């Protein structure tokens, strides 16, 4: 028996509610030496961007525009709602031109998903560990799916 393909059915329907149209991503240009972002380079957890209400974070990417440096052995850990997005990254792994996948792994809970902003926006955070950063610029590209539209429109 041949596998069933629904591609022709979806193409014929041209439905606006297919999952390809329910995802979105944003791009944030973050420079740890930008005076407007003062403090983001310190050893601490920093709120970067929000997962909007009704959206679920399904992944994120990081594109390093300027290499990360520090006077010590700095590490960077990205997280959302206290769930790590991948592992801690040493500064040596954040060189200009690097592209890093920040997977959501197995983040889930019984309240509908740990990375789903059901009624309150969630924060995507960056924790700088061990030593403060002295340089580093990156594009943070979180990927969202509109859960509220999925559940409303089927």
C-alpha atoms as a PDB file:
ATOM      1  CA  UNK A   1       0.000   0.000   0.000  1.00  0.00           C
ATOM      2  CA  UNK A   2       1.367   3.418  -0.926  1.00  0.00           C
ATOM      3  CA  UNK A   3       1.754   6.156   1.638  1.00  0.00           C
ATOM      4  CA  UNK A   4      -1.027   8.726   1.708  1.00  0.00           C
ATOM      5  CA  UNK A   5      -0.132  12.221   0.560  1.00  0.00           C
ATOM      6  CA  UNK A   6      -2.308  15.169   1.483  1.00  0.00           C
ATOM      7  CA  UNK A   7      -0.256  17.707  -0.492  1.00  0.00           C
ATOM      8  CA  UNK A   8      -2.725  17.788  -3.392  1.00  0.00           C
ATOM      9  CA  UNK A   9      -5.666  18.213  -1.026  1.00  0.00           C
ATOM     10  CA  UNK A  10      -4.012  21.120   0.794  1.00  0.00           C
ATOM     11  CA  UNK A  11      -3.036  22.740  -2.499  1.00  0.00           C
ATOM     12  CA  UNK A  12      -6.605  22.406  -3.800  1.00  0.00           C
ATOM     13  CA  UNK A  13      -8.092  23.907  -0.649  1.00  0.00           C
ATOM     14  CA  UNK A  14      -5.594  26.766  -0.538  1.00  0.00           C
ATOM     15  CA  UNK A  15      -6.733  27.095   3.049  1.00  0.00           C
ATOM     16  CA  UNK A  16      -5.293  30.023   4.989  1.00  0.00           C
ATOM     17  CA  UNK A  17      -5.137  27.822   8.056  1.00  0.00           C
ATOM     18  CA  UNK A  18      -2.445  25.386   6.984  1.00  0.00           C
ATOM     19  CA  UNK A  19       0.414  25.235   9.449  1.00  0.00           C
ATOM     20  CA  UNK A  20       2.847  26.741   6.952  1.00  0.00           C
ATOM     21  CA  UNK A  21       0.992  30.022   7.397  1.00  0.00           C
ATOM     22  CA  UNK A  22       0.754  29.883  11.173  1.00  0.00           C
ATOM     23  CA  UNK A  23       4.448  30.082  11.922  1.00  0.00           C
ATOM     24  CA  UNK A  24       6.472  33.250  12.102  1.00  0.00           C
ATOM     25  CA  UNK A  25       9.886  34.377  13.145  1.00  0.00           C
ATOM     26  CA  UNK A  26      11.457  37.654  14.132  1.00  0.00           C
ATOM     27  CA  UNK A  27      15.031  38.904  13.965  1.00  0.00           C
ATOM     28  CA  UNK A  28      16.682  40.781  16.839  1.00  0.00           C
ATOM     29  CA  UNK A  29      20.131  42.373  16.378  1.00  0.00           C
ATOM     30  CA  UNK A  30      21.825  42.316  19.807  1.00  0.00           C
ATOM     31  CA  UNK A  31      25.244  43.867  20.470  1.00  0.00           C
ATOM     32  CA  UNK A  32      26.603  43.382  23.996  1.00  0.00           C
ATOM     33  CA  UNK A  33      28.679  46.581  23.677  1.00  0.00           C
ATOM     34  CA  UNK A  34      25.733  48.780  22.633  1.00  0.00           C
ATOM     35  CA  UNK A  35      25.365  51.563  25.251  1.00  0.00           C
ATOM     36  CA  UNK A  36      21.578  51.293  24.924  1.00  0.00           C
ATOM     37  CA  UNK A  37      21.854  47.695  26.177  1.00  0.00           C
ATOM     38  CA  UNK A  38      24.172  48.552  29.046  1.00  0.00           C
ATOM     39  CA  UNK A  39      24.468  45.716  31.553  1.00  0.00           C
ATOM     40  CA  UNK A  40      23.705  42.890  29.126  1.00  0.00           C
ATOM     41  CA  UNK A  41      27.363  41.863  29.196  1.00  0.00           C
ATOM     42  CA  UNK A  42      27.438  41.198  32.964  1.00  0.00           C
ATOM     43  CA  UNK A  43      27.403  37.801  34.688  1.00  0.00           C
ATOM     44  CA  UNK A  44      23.679  37.470  35.234  1.00  0.00           C
ATOM     45  CA  UNK A  45      20.425  36.474  33.495  1.00  0.00           C
ATOM     46  CA  UNK A  46      19.136  39.069  31.032  1.00  0.00           C
ATOM     47  CA  UNK A  47      15.658  39.255  29.476  1.00  0.00           C
ATOM     48  CA  UNK A  48      16.087  39.677  25.721  1.00  0.00           C
ATOM     49  CA  UNK A  49      12.745  39.337  23.931  1.00  0.00           C
ATOM     50  CA  UNK A  50       9.222  38.097  24.585  1.00  0.00           C
ATOM     51  CA  UNK A  51       7.163  35.222  23.275  1.00  0.00           C
ATOM     52  CA  UNK A  52       3.840  37.006  22.627  1.00  0.00           C
ATOM     53  CA  UNK A  53       0.591  35.821  24.202  1.00  0.00           C
ATOM     54  CA  UNK A  54      -1.025  33.110  22.080  1.00  0.00           C
ATOM     55  CA  UNK A  55       2.320  32.044  20.584  1.00  0.00           C
ATOM     56  CA  UNK A  56       4.532  29.045  21.298  1.00  0.00           C
ATOM     57  CA  UNK A  57       8.288  29.111  20.899  1.00  0.00           C
ATOM     58  CA  UNK A  58       9.203  26.165  18.657  1.00  0.00           C
ATOM     59  CA  UNK A  59      12.903  26.922  18.260  1.00  0.00           C
ATOM     60  CA  UNK A  60      15.448  29.644  17.724  1.00  0.00           C
ATOM     61  CA  UNK A  61      18.638  30.328  15.809  1.00  0.00           C
ATOM     62  CA  UNK A  62      21.621  32.501  16.616  1.00  0.00           C
ATOM     63  CA  UNK A  63      23.860  34.016  13.950  1.00  0.00           C
ATOM     64  CA  UNK A  64      27.090  35.486  15.333  1.00  0.00           C
ATOM     65  CA  UNK A  65      27.964  38.797  13.636  1.00  0.00           C
ATOM     66  CA  UNK A  66      30.931  39.677  15.887  1.00  0.00           C
ATOM     67  CA  UNK A  67      32.848  37.106  17.940  1.00  0.00           C
ATOM     68  CA  UNK A  68      32.161  36.869  21.655  1.00  0.00           C
ATOM     69  CA  UNK A  69      35.084  37.789  23.893  1.00  0.00           C
ATOM     70  CA  UNK A  70      35.686  38.159  27.623  1.00  0.00           C
ATOM     71  CA  UNK A  71      38.542  38.627  30.048  1.00  0.00           C
ATOM     72  CA  UNK A  72      37.822  35.128  31.375  1.00  0.00           C
ATOM     73  CA  UNK A  73      36.084  31.917  30.341  1.00  0.00           C
ATOM     74  CA  UNK A  74      32.621  33.357  29.637  1.00  0.00           C
ATOM     75  CA  UNK A  75      29.699  31.116  28.759  1.00  0.00           C
ATOM     76  CA  UNK A  76      26.286  32.006  27.412  1.00  0.00           C
ATOM     77  CA  UNK A  77      23.081  30.025  28.021  1.00  0.00           C
ATOM     78  CA  UNK A  78      19.773  30.880  26.321  1.00  0.00           C
ATOM     79  CA  UNK A  79      16.488  29.889  27.947  1.00  0.00           C
ATOM     80  CA  UNK A  80      12.763  30.513  27.925  1.00  0.00           C
ATOM     81  CA  UNK A  81      10.467  30.124  30.921  1.00  0.00           C
ATOM     82  CA  UNK A  82      13.327  28.460  32.859  1.00  0.00           C
ATOM     83  CA  UNK A  83      13.870  25.852  30.116  1.00  0.00           C
ATOM     84  CA  UNK A  84      17.289  25.795  28.464  1.00  0.00           C
ATOM     85  CA  UNK A  85      17.417  26.265  24.709  1.00  0.00           C
ATOM     86  CA  UNK A  86      20.271  23.892  23.979  1.00  0.00           C
ATOM     87  CA  UNK A  87      23.371  23.804  26.133  1.00  0.00           C
ATOM     88  CA  UNK A  88      25.662  26.455  27.568  1.00  0.00           C
ATOM     89  CA  UNK A  89      27.945  27.903  24.898  1.00  0.00           C
ATOM     90  CA  UNK A  90      31.565  28.824  25.672  1.00  0.00           C
ATOM     91  CA  UNK A  91      32.768  32.044  24.050  1.00  0.00           C
ATOM     92  CA  UNK A  92      35.058  30.000  21.780  1.00  0.00           C
ATOM     93  CA  UNK A  93      31.925  28.498  20.162  1.00  0.00           C
ATOM     94  CA  UNK A  94      30.530  31.957  19.356  1.00  0.00           C
ATOM     95  CA  UNK A  95      32.855  33.167  16.594  1.00  0.00           C
ATOM     96  CA  UNK A  96      31.882  35.495  13.764  1.00  0.00           C
ATOM     97  CA  UNK A  97      29.921  33.588  11.134  1.00  0.00           C
ATOM     98  CA  UNK A  98      28.792  30.787  13.449  1.00  0.00           C
ATOM     99  CA  UNK A  99      25.159  29.702  13.237  1.00  0.00           C
ATOM    100  CA  UNK A 100      23.828  28.061  16.378  1.00  0.00           C
ATOM    101  CA  UNK A 101      20.611  26.073  16.742  1.00  0.00           C
ATOM    102  CA  UNK A 102      18.800  26.760  20.027  1.00  0.00           C
ATOM    103  CA  UNK A 103      16.385  23.810  20.254  1.00  0.00           C
ATOM    104  CA  UNK A 104      13.494  23.713  22.682  1.00  0.00           C
ATOM    105  CA  UNK A 105      14.361  20.078  23.513  1.00  0.00           C
ATOM    106  CA  UNK A 106      11.705  18.374  25.646  1.00  0.00           C
ATOM    107  CA  UNK A 107      10.305  21.481  27.357  1.00  0.00           C
ATOM    108  CA  UNK A 108       6.730  20.648  28.252  1.00  0.00           C
ATOM    109  CA  UNK A 109       4.353  20.677  31.174  1.00  0.00           C
ATOM    110  CA  UNK A 110       0.791  19.727  31.959  1.00  0.00           C
ATOM    111  CA  UNK A 111      -0.521  23.281  31.569  1.00  0.00           C
ATOM    112  CA  UNK A 112      -0.344  23.228  27.785  1.00  0.00           C
ATOM    113  CA  UNK A 113       3.351  23.557  27.103  1.00  0.00           C
ATOM    114  CA  UNK A 114       6.160  25.237  28.973  1.00  0.00           C
ATOM    115  CA  UNK A 115       7.048  27.434  25.997  1.00  0.00           C
ATOM    116  CA  UNK A 116       3.474  28.421  25.163  1.00  0.00           C
ATOM    117  CA  UNK A 117       2.507  31.935  26.218  1.00  0.00           C
ATOM    118  CA  UNK A 118      -1.110  31.054  26.944  1.00  0.00           C
ATOM    119  CA  UNK A 119      -2.180  34.130  28.923  1.00  0.00           C
ATOM    120  CA  UNK A 120       1.120  35.863  29.751  1.00  0.00           C
ATOM    121  CA  UNK A 121       4.077  36.653  27.509  1.00  0.00           C
ATOM    122  CA  UNK A 122       7.217  34.621  28.189  1.00  0.00           C
ATOM    123  CA  UNK A 123      10.780  35.925  28.178  1.00  0.00           C
ATOM    124  CA  UNK A 124      13.658  34.569  26.128  1.00  0.00           C
ATOM    125  CA  UNK A 125      16.688  35.063  28.345  1.00  0.00           C
ATOM    126  CA  UNK A 126      20.467  35.014  28.014  1.00  0.00           C
ATOM    127  CA  UNK A 127      22.535  34.037  31.043  1.00  0.00           C
ATOM    128  CA  UNK A 128      26.172  35.118  30.979  1.00  0.00           C
ATOM    129  CA  UNK A 129      28.252  32.850  33.202  1.00  0.00           C
ATOM    130  CA  UNK A 130      31.745  32.769  34.705  1.00  0.00           C
ATOM    131  CA  UNK A 131      33.020  36.076  33.266  1.00  0.00           C
ATOM    132  CA  UNK A 132      31.500  39.225  31.775  1.00  0.00           C
ATOM    133  CA  UNK A 133      31.491  39.602  28.005  1.00  0.00           C
ATOM    134  CA  UNK A 134      33.660  42.303  26.459  1.00  0.00           C
ATOM    135  CA  UNK A 135      32.323  41.923  22.910  1.00  0.00           C
ATOM    136  CA  UNK A 136      29.777  40.007  20.890  1.00  0.00           C
ATOM    137  CA  UNK A 137      27.015  40.798  18.450  1.00  0.00           C
ATOM    138  CA  UNK A 138      24.407  38.359  17.204  1.00  0.00           C
ATOM    139  CA  UNK A 139      21.089  37.960  15.495  1.00  0.00           C
ATOM    140  CA  UNK A 140      18.556  36.110  17.621  1.00  0.00           C
ATOM    141  CA  UNK A 141      15.845  34.541  15.472  1.00  0.00           C
ATOM    142  CA  UNK A 142      13.069  32.979  17.576  1.00  0.00           C
ATOM    143  CA  UNK A 143      10.509  30.850  15.711  1.00  0.00           C
ATOM    144  CA  UNK A 144       6.892  30.985  16.844  1.00  0.00           C
ATOM    145  CA  UNK A 145       3.666  29.232  15.977  1.00  0.00           C
ATOM    146  CA  UNK A 146       0.326  30.922  16.621  1.00  0.00           C
ATOM    147  CA  UNK A 147      -1.340  28.365  18.897  1.00  0.00           C
ATOM    148  CA  UNK A 148      -4.417  30.521  19.412  1.00  0.00           C
ATOM    149  CA  UNK A 149      -5.025  30.626  15.631  1.00  0.00           C
ATOM    150  CA  UNK A 150      -4.440  26.867  15.369  1.00  0.00           C
ATOM    151  CA  UNK A 151      -6.974  26.084  18.063  1.00  0.00           C
ATOM    152  CA  UNK A 152      -9.492  28.669  16.836  1.00  0.00           C
ATOM    153  CA  UNK A 153      -9.293  27.893  13.124  1.00  0.00           C
ATOM    154  CA  UNK A 154      -8.475  24.211  13.284  1.00  0.00           C
END
